[in-house]
Amino acid sequence: MTTTTKPLLSRQFYGMGVKNLEARFLLYKNEKNDAAYLVQGALAVMVRNALCPADFSFFAEDLVRELFMEDYDLSAVRELCVYFKKYFNEEEWTGVTTRLFPDQQEFARLEERTRGHIEKVQPLLYSKDRPVEVKASLVTTFEDENGKKHGWTLSNVDPNLTTEDHDALLTILTTLDIFQKDGVRRFAKVVGAYYHLVQVTIDPKAVKEEEPEVQEAKFAALPKVASLSTGVEIETSDPQDERRQEQSSDEVKNTLLEEEEAAPGSQDELPSPKLTGLFQNDLSGLPLVESLKNMLNLAKRESPVVGVGGDPADVVKNKGDSSGKNKPTPPSNQPKKKKRKKRRGKKR
């Protein structure tokens, strides 16, 4: 019986342990042989390593080295190689960049364009275990490719990262095209992010490690009732009540999911699905996958050409038939007469 390995979802990228995740990557590579997908996936895990105190540094090192050093098609994601430089020694890195960029001047321009961004995020992308005193979740809001807002929460994060760190790391997700829903990229623009802190009062790990004698001593010191009172009503389970509770629980879950999908703000406030100039500037210093570069170039070509001192609105105004049929009618100097409404008298 043949099994088909499906692409990982974002919750699997950011919820599975390192060993299981590496095993899934290797399985996907052997079955699909999609090197471009795996490189983007490895970068997504690097972002997780930067945001979380757990150690995901040098994720799937052998697999990543194989993808870059052997004859795999990485033309769509070749710019992302700058994130993986520390996977290779100097001689290997020269071979990788030469294979991906036969024109070394093109690679030099890429390094120059992305240097500021890489210097900012690289220490976090390769950070190892780091202790945190308070557990926290990162609650974010993104816009998808069509401008629709949705929520995304990452648990067990490092609460000591700054706003600048979050901005630089979360923006990396907007340069990837592997996270999609119904063919629409999920992470197209970062809208907002905040911490949800979790203060642990009773650590389950500490309770589990506690000696049985200590637990028995705690219980022995408590006042106790001699026996169960006869007047106490014993609660029994009713199958109908259980079904009603399950139904109510499902309704609450559905409501929470709808709230997460629809994030705050009305639909009228959402921007146009087209890429704006501001969005292009946000990505100008980042390595990009080929599909996103093509979208940005298309957006530039479709923007209206305006003369010196001109207004983009004039481009639309001046379109039309040269015969003069579509020319606007000059305004009249005569005052407009107010229309009076006829009032009907009441019948007696």
Protein backbone atom coordinates (compact mmCIF):
# COMPACT_ATOMS: atom_id res chain seq x y z
CA MET A 1 0.00 0.00 0.00
CA THR A 2 1.47 3.34 -1.08
CA THR A 3 1.22 6.30 1.31
CA THR A 4 1.30 9.90 0.14
CA THR A 5 3.07 12.45 2.31
CA LYS A 6 1.13 15.70 2.41
CA PRO A 7 2.80 19.11 2.83
CA LEU A 8 3.09 20.18 6.44
CA LEU A 9 0.68 22.76 7.85
CA SER A 10 1.90 25.81 9.78
CA ARG A 11 0.69 24.28 13.08
CA GLN A 12 2.92 21.24 12.37
CA PHE A 13 5.93 23.39 11.53
CA TYR A 14 5.47 25.21 14.83
CA GLY A 15 4.10 22.40 17.01
CA MET A 16 6.07 19.20 16.32
CA GLY A 17 9.27 18.24 18.13
CA VAL A 18 12.60 18.53 16.34
CA LYS A 19 13.14 14.76 15.75
CA ASN A 20 9.63 14.11 14.38
CA LEU A 21 9.84 17.23 12.22
CA GLU A 22 13.19 16.19 10.74
CA ALA A 23 11.76 12.73 10.02
CA ARG A 24 8.81 14.29 8.16
CA PHE A 25 11.19 16.44 6.11
CA LEU A 26 13.24 13.42 5.08
CA LEU A 27 10.10 11.46 4.20
CA TYR A 28 8.78 14.32 2.08
CA LYS A 29 12.13 14.65 0.30
CA ASN A 30 12.27 10.94 -0.55
CA GLU A 31 8.69 10.91 -1.86
CA LYS A 32 8.23 14.34 -3.47
CA ASN A 33 11.83 15.46 -4.09
CA ASP A 34 10.64 19.10 -3.86
CA ALA A 35 13.85 20.86 -2.82
CA ALA A 36 12.40 24.39 -3.04
CA TYR A 37 9.61 23.48 -0.60
CA LEU A 38 12.07 21.94 1.87
CA VAL A 39 14.37 24.98 1.83
CA GLN A 40 11.43 27.27 2.62
CA GLY A 41 10.31 24.84 5.33
CA ALA A 42 13.77 24.79 6.91
CA LEU A 43 13.75 28.60 6.99
CA ALA A 44 10.32 28.57 8.69
CA VAL A 45 11.79 26.30 11.38
CA MET A 46 14.71 28.72 11.78
CA VAL A 47 12.17 31.45 12.52
CA ARG A 48 10.66 29.16 15.16
CA ASN A 49 14.13 28.67 16.66
CA ALA A 50 14.53 32.45 16.88
CA LEU A 51 11.13 33.03 18.52
CA CYS A 52 11.21 30.12 20.98
CA PRO A 53 13.62 29.19 23.80
CA ALA A 54 13.83 25.56 22.56
CA ASP A 55 16.80 24.55 20.42
CA PHE A 56 15.97 24.08 16.71
CA SER A 57 19.29 25.52 15.51
CA PHE A 58 20.92 23.88 12.46
CA PHE A 59 17.64 22.07 11.81
CA ALA A 60 17.94 19.07 9.41
CA GLU A 61 21.59 19.99 8.82
CA ASP A 62 22.53 16.99 6.66
CA LEU A 63 19.44 17.36 4.48
CA VAL A 64 19.89 21.12 4.01
CA ARG A 65 23.56 20.67 3.08
CA GLU A 66 22.61 18.01 0.53
CA LEU A 67 19.97 20.24 -1.08
CA PHE A 68 22.38 23.14 -1.54
CA MET A 69 25.53 21.21 -2.47
CA GLU A 70 24.09 18.65 -4.89
CA ASP A 71 22.26 19.09 -8.18
CA TYR A 72 18.78 20.01 -6.91
CA ASP A 73 16.65 22.66 -8.61
CA LEU A 74 16.72 25.67 -6.25
CA SER A 75 16.25 28.37 -8.88
CA ALA A 76 12.97 29.53 -7.26
CA VAL A 77 14.52 29.92 -3.79
CA ARG A 78 18.16 30.67 -4.52
CA GLU A 79 18.04 34.05 -2.74
CA LEU A 80 17.20 32.27 0.53
CA CYS A 81 20.67 30.72 0.59
CA VAL A 82 21.99 33.75 2.52
CA TYR A 83 20.12 32.52 5.62
CA PHE A 84 21.99 29.17 5.54
CA LYS A 85 25.59 30.40 5.22
CA LYS A 86 26.58 29.02 8.65
CA TYR A 87 25.69 25.48 7.49
CA PHE A 88 28.88 25.46 5.36
CA ASN A 89 32.58 26.17 5.67
CA GLU A 90 34.15 28.85 3.50
CA GLU A 91 35.13 26.54 0.64
CA GLU A 92 31.72 24.85 0.55
CA TRP A 93 29.94 28.21 0.64
CA THR A 94 31.88 29.40 -2.41
CA GLY A 95 30.76 26.28 -4.27
CA VAL A 96 27.12 26.78 -3.24
CA THR A 97 26.96 30.42 -4.33
CA THR A 98 28.77 29.71 -7.61
CA ARG A 99 26.25 26.99 -8.48
CA LEU A 100 23.24 29.15 -7.64
CA PHE A 101 24.63 32.39 -9.08
CA PRO A 102 26.86 31.83 -12.13
CA ASP A 103 27.04 35.63 -12.32
CA GLN A 104 28.86 36.40 -9.07
CA GLN A 105 28.13 40.11 -9.46
CA GLU A 106 24.45 39.27 -9.09
CA PHE A 107 25.19 37.46 -5.83
CA ALA A 108 27.29 40.41 -4.63
CA ARG A 109 24.28 42.70 -5.22
CA LEU A 110 22.06 40.27 -3.25
CA GLU A 111 24.48 40.31 -0.31
CA GLU A 112 24.62 44.11 -0.38
CA ARG A 113 20.82 44.44 -0.50
CA THR A 114 20.15 42.00 2.34
CA ARG A 115 23.18 42.63 4.60
CA GLY A 116 21.34 44.80 7.15
CA HIS A 117 18.50 42.30 7.53
CA ILE A 118 20.78 39.23 7.80
CA GLU A 119 23.04 40.84 10.41
CA LYS A 120 19.96 41.61 12.51
CA VAL A 121 18.30 38.17 12.46
CA GLN A 122 21.21 35.71 12.09
CA PRO A 123 22.13 35.50 15.81
CA LEU A 124 18.49 34.67 16.62
CA LEU A 125 18.07 32.17 13.77
CA TYR A 126 21.01 30.15 15.13
CA SER A 127 20.42 30.67 18.86
CA LYS A 128 20.31 27.55 21.03
CA ASP A 129 18.48 26.76 24.30
CA ARG A 130 17.89 29.87 26.38
CA PRO A 131 16.22 29.85 29.82
CA VAL A 132 13.07 31.92 30.37
CA GLU A 133 11.43 32.66 33.71
CA VAL A 134 7.92 33.22 32.37
CA LYS A 135 6.07 31.16 29.77
CA ALA A 136 4.47 33.19 27.02
CA SER A 137 2.55 32.94 23.76
CA LEU A 138 2.97 35.27 20.82
CA VAL A 139 -0.42 36.36 19.47
CA THR A 140 -0.17 37.83 15.97
CA THR A 141 -2.43 39.18 13.24
CA PHE A 142 -1.54 38.79 9.57
CA GLU A 143 -3.21 39.72 6.30
CA ASP A 144 -3.39 37.07 3.62
CA GLU A 145 -2.70 37.70 -0.05
CA ASN A 146 -6.25 39.03 -0.56
CA GLY A 147 -6.03 41.49 2.33
CA LYS A 148 -8.13 39.41 4.75
CA LYS A 149 -6.98 39.47 8.37
CA HIS A 150 -6.49 36.31 10.41
CA GLY A 151 -4.93 35.44 13.75
CA TRP A 152 -1.93 33.18 14.35
CA THR A 153 -0.65 32.20 17.82
CA LEU A 154 2.70 30.61 18.66
CA SER A 155 3.01 29.12 22.15
CA ASN A 156 6.13 28.72 24.31
CA VAL A 157 8.01 31.75 22.96
CA ASP A 158 10.81 33.82 24.44
CA PRO A 159 9.16 36.90 26.02
CA ASN A 160 12.44 38.83 26.03
CA LEU A 161 12.50 39.58 22.29
CA THR A 162 11.97 43.20 21.26
CA THR A 163 9.47 44.74 18.86
CA GLU A 164 12.27 45.10 16.30
CA ASP A 165 13.09 41.39 16.65
CA HIS A 166 9.47 40.41 16.06
CA ASP A 167 9.16 42.71 13.07
CA ALA A 168 12.30 41.30 11.41
CA LEU A 169 11.45 37.64 12.13
CA LEU A 170 7.72 37.67 11.32
CA THR A 171 8.40 39.54 8.09
CA ILE A 172 10.46 36.54 6.92
CA LEU A 173 7.22 34.53 6.84
CA THR A 174 5.76 37.07 4.38
CA THR A 175 8.50 36.14 1.87
CA LEU A 176 7.51 32.44 1.76
CA ASP A 177 4.77 30.86 -0.39
CA ILE A 178 4.43 27.41 1.25
CA PHE A 179 1.72 28.44 3.74
CA GLN A 180 -1.48 28.66 1.70
CA LYS A 181 -5.20 28.15 2.14
CA ASP A 182 -7.30 27.56 -0.99
CA GLY A 183 -4.38 28.79 -3.10
CA VAL A 184 -4.00 32.06 -1.18
CA ARG A 185 -0.80 32.87 0.74
CA ARG A 186 -1.64 33.11 4.46
CA PHE A 187 1.23 35.31 5.62
CA ALA A 188 1.37 38.26 3.22
CA LYS A 189 1.67 41.15 5.69
CA VAL A 190 2.29 41.54 9.43
CA VAL A 191 -0.46 43.60 11.08
CA GLY A 192 0.31 43.27 14.80
CA ALA A 193 1.72 41.10 17.59
CA TYR A 194 1.64 40.98 21.38
CA TYR A 195 2.64 38.66 24.24
CA HIS A 196 0.23 36.60 26.31
CA LEU A 197 2.16 35.78 29.49
CA VAL A 198 1.51 32.56 31.45
CA GLN A 199 2.56 32.48 35.09
CA VAL A 200 2.90 28.87 36.32
CA THR A 201 1.99 28.44 40.03
CA ILE A 202 2.15 24.64 40.30
CA ASP A 203 4.71 23.08 37.97
CA PRO A 204 3.50 19.59 36.88
CA LYS A 205 7.11 18.55 36.33
CA ALA A 206 8.01 19.44 39.93
CA VAL A 207 4.96 17.57 41.26
CA LYS A 208 5.90 14.48 39.24
CA GLU A 209 9.45 14.54 40.58
CA GLU A 210 8.31 14.94 44.19
CA GLU A 211 9.02 11.98 46.46
CA PRO A 212 5.96 9.84 47.39
CA GLU A 213 6.81 10.25 51.10
CA VAL A 214 6.60 14.04 50.77
CA GLN A 215 3.22 13.84 49.02
CA GLU A 216 1.87 11.44 51.70
CA ALA A 217 3.12 13.74 54.46
CA LYS A 218 1.28 16.71 52.91
CA PHE A 219 -1.94 14.72 52.74
CA ALA A 220 -1.53 13.33 56.27
CA ALA A 221 -1.32 16.85 57.71
CA LEU A 222 -4.75 17.85 56.33
CA PRO A 223 -8.03 17.73 58.36
CA LYS A 224 -10.30 15.06 56.91
CA VAL A 225 -13.93 13.96 57.11
CA ALA A 226 -14.58 10.62 58.76
CA SER A 227 -16.92 9.36 56.04
CA LEU A 228 -19.22 10.62 53.33
CA SER A 229 -22.39 12.19 54.77
CA THR A 230 -25.59 10.27 54.07
CA GLY A 231 -27.46 13.47 53.12
CA VAL A 232 -25.11 14.26 50.19
CA GLU A 233 -26.67 13.76 46.79
CA ILE A 234 -24.49 11.58 44.58
CA GLU A 235 -24.09 13.06 41.10
CA THR A 236 -24.78 10.66 38.26
CA SER A 237 -24.10 11.16 34.59
CA ASP A 238 -27.00 11.67 32.22
CA PRO A 239 -26.25 10.80 28.55
CA GLN A 240 -28.55 13.61 27.34
CA ASP A 241 -26.78 16.17 29.55
CA GLU A 242 -23.42 15.00 28.24
CA ARG A 243 -24.60 15.41 24.64
CA ARG A 244 -25.86 18.92 25.42
CA GLN A 245 -22.53 19.83 27.01
CA GLU A 246 -20.61 18.50 24.02
CA GLN A 247 -22.85 20.45 21.65
CA SER A 248 -22.35 23.62 23.73
CA SER A 249 -18.59 23.03 23.76
CA ASP A 250 -18.56 22.65 19.97
CA GLU A 251 -20.47 25.92 19.60
CA VAL A 252 -17.91 27.72 21.75
CA LYS A 253 -15.05 26.23 19.71
CA ASN A 254 -16.69 27.30 16.45
CA THR A 255 -17.20 30.81 17.81
CA LEU A 256 -13.53 31.04 18.83
CA LEU A 257 -12.40 29.81 15.42
CA GLU A 258 -14.63 32.35 13.66
CA GLU A 259 -13.24 35.14 15.86
CA GLU A 260 -9.70 34.05 15.09
CA GLU A 261 -10.36 33.94 11.35
CA ALA A 262 -12.12 37.29 11.29
CA ALA A 263 -9.66 39.33 13.52
CA PRO A 264 -10.73 42.80 14.73
CA GLY A 265 -11.86 45.42 12.24
CA SER A 266 -14.61 45.62 9.66
CA GLN A 267 -14.27 44.41 6.09
CA ASP A 268 -14.50 48.01 4.86
CA GLU A 269 -11.25 48.85 6.65
CA LEU A 270 -9.21 46.21 4.81
CA PRO A 271 -6.75 47.40 2.15
CA SER A 272 -6.94 46.53 -1.52
CA PRO A 273 -5.65 43.04 -2.45
CA LYS A 274 -3.07 44.66 -4.75
CA LEU A 275 0.46 45.06 -3.37
CA THR A 276 1.00 48.62 -2.19
CA GLY A 277 4.19 50.64 -2.44
CA LEU A 278 4.65 50.47 1.33
CA PHE A 279 4.51 46.67 1.26
CA GLN A 280 7.17 46.60 -1.48
CA ASN A 281 9.47 48.82 0.59
CA ASP A 282 9.08 46.45 3.57
CA LEU A 283 10.48 43.56 1.48
CA SER A 284 13.16 45.53 -0.36
CA GLY A 285 15.97 44.34 1.91
CA LEU A 286 14.87 40.68 2.23
CA PRO A 287 15.75 37.59 0.19
CA LEU A 288 12.66 36.56 -1.80
CA VAL A 289 11.31 33.44 -3.47
CA GLU A 290 10.90 33.73 -7.22
CA SER A 291 7.08 33.72 -7.22
CA LEU A 292 6.95 36.70 -4.87
CA LYS A 293 9.56 38.61 -6.89
CA ASN A 294 7.39 38.15 -10.00
CA MET A 295 4.36 39.51 -8.12
CA LEU A 296 6.28 42.60 -6.99
CA ASN A 297 7.60 43.25 -10.50
CA LEU A 298 4.07 42.88 -11.93
CA ALA A 299 2.74 45.37 -9.37
CA LYS A 300 5.40 47.87 -10.41
CA ARG A 301 4.55 47.50 -14.12
CA GLU A 302 0.82 47.96 -13.47
CA SER A 303 1.26 51.18 -11.47
CA PRO A 304 0.16 54.31 -13.47
CA VAL A 305 2.86 56.43 -15.12
CA VAL A 306 2.62 60.05 -13.98
CA GLY A 307 4.37 63.04 -15.47
CA VAL A 308 6.45 65.49 -13.46
CA GLY A 309 4.21 67.13 -10.91
CA GLY A 310 1.27 65.09 -12.19
CA ASP A 311 -1.47 63.34 -10.32
CA PRO A 312 -2.16 59.60 -10.79
CA ALA A 313 -5.86 60.44 -10.96
CA ASP A 314 -5.19 62.44 -14.18
CA VAL A 315 -4.25 59.20 -15.94
CA VAL A 316 -7.75 57.89 -15.36
CA LYS A 317 -9.40 61.23 -16.18
CA ASN A 318 -7.66 61.61 -19.53
CA LYS A 319 -8.65 58.13 -20.77
CA GLY A 320 -11.52 57.98 -23.22
CA ASP A 321 -12.56 58.57 -26.82
CA SER A 322 -10.54 61.25 -28.68
CA SER A 323 -13.71 62.31 -30.52
CA GLY A 324 -14.80 64.27 -27.49
CA LYS A 325 -17.79 62.14 -26.57
CA ASN A 326 -16.37 61.37 -23.16
CA LYS A 327 -15.23 64.92 -22.41
CA PRO A 328 -16.74 66.33 -19.22
CA THR A 329 -19.47 68.96 -19.60
CA PRO A 330 -18.29 72.44 -18.52
CA PRO A 331 -20.03 73.69 -15.42
CA SER A 332 -22.86 76.17 -15.94
CA ASN A 333 -22.65 79.65 -14.37
CA GLN A 334 -26.39 79.81 -13.85
CA PRO A 335 -27.59 78.90 -10.36
CA LYS A 336 -29.41 75.61 -10.09
CA LYS A 337 -33.10 75.76 -9.33
CA LYS A 338 -34.18 73.85 -6.32
CA LYS A 339 -36.80 71.22 -6.98
CA ARG A 340 -39.84 71.58 -4.85
CA LYS A 341 -41.59 68.54 -3.60
CA LYS A 342 -45.32 68.45 -4.13
CA ARG A 343 -47.24 67.93 -0.96
CA ARG A 344 -50.47 66.10 -1.10
CA GLY A 345 -53.24 67.36 1.11
CA LYS A 346 -54.87 65.06 3.53
CA LYS A 347 -58.30 63.85 2.56
CA ARG A 348 -60.97 64.85 5.00
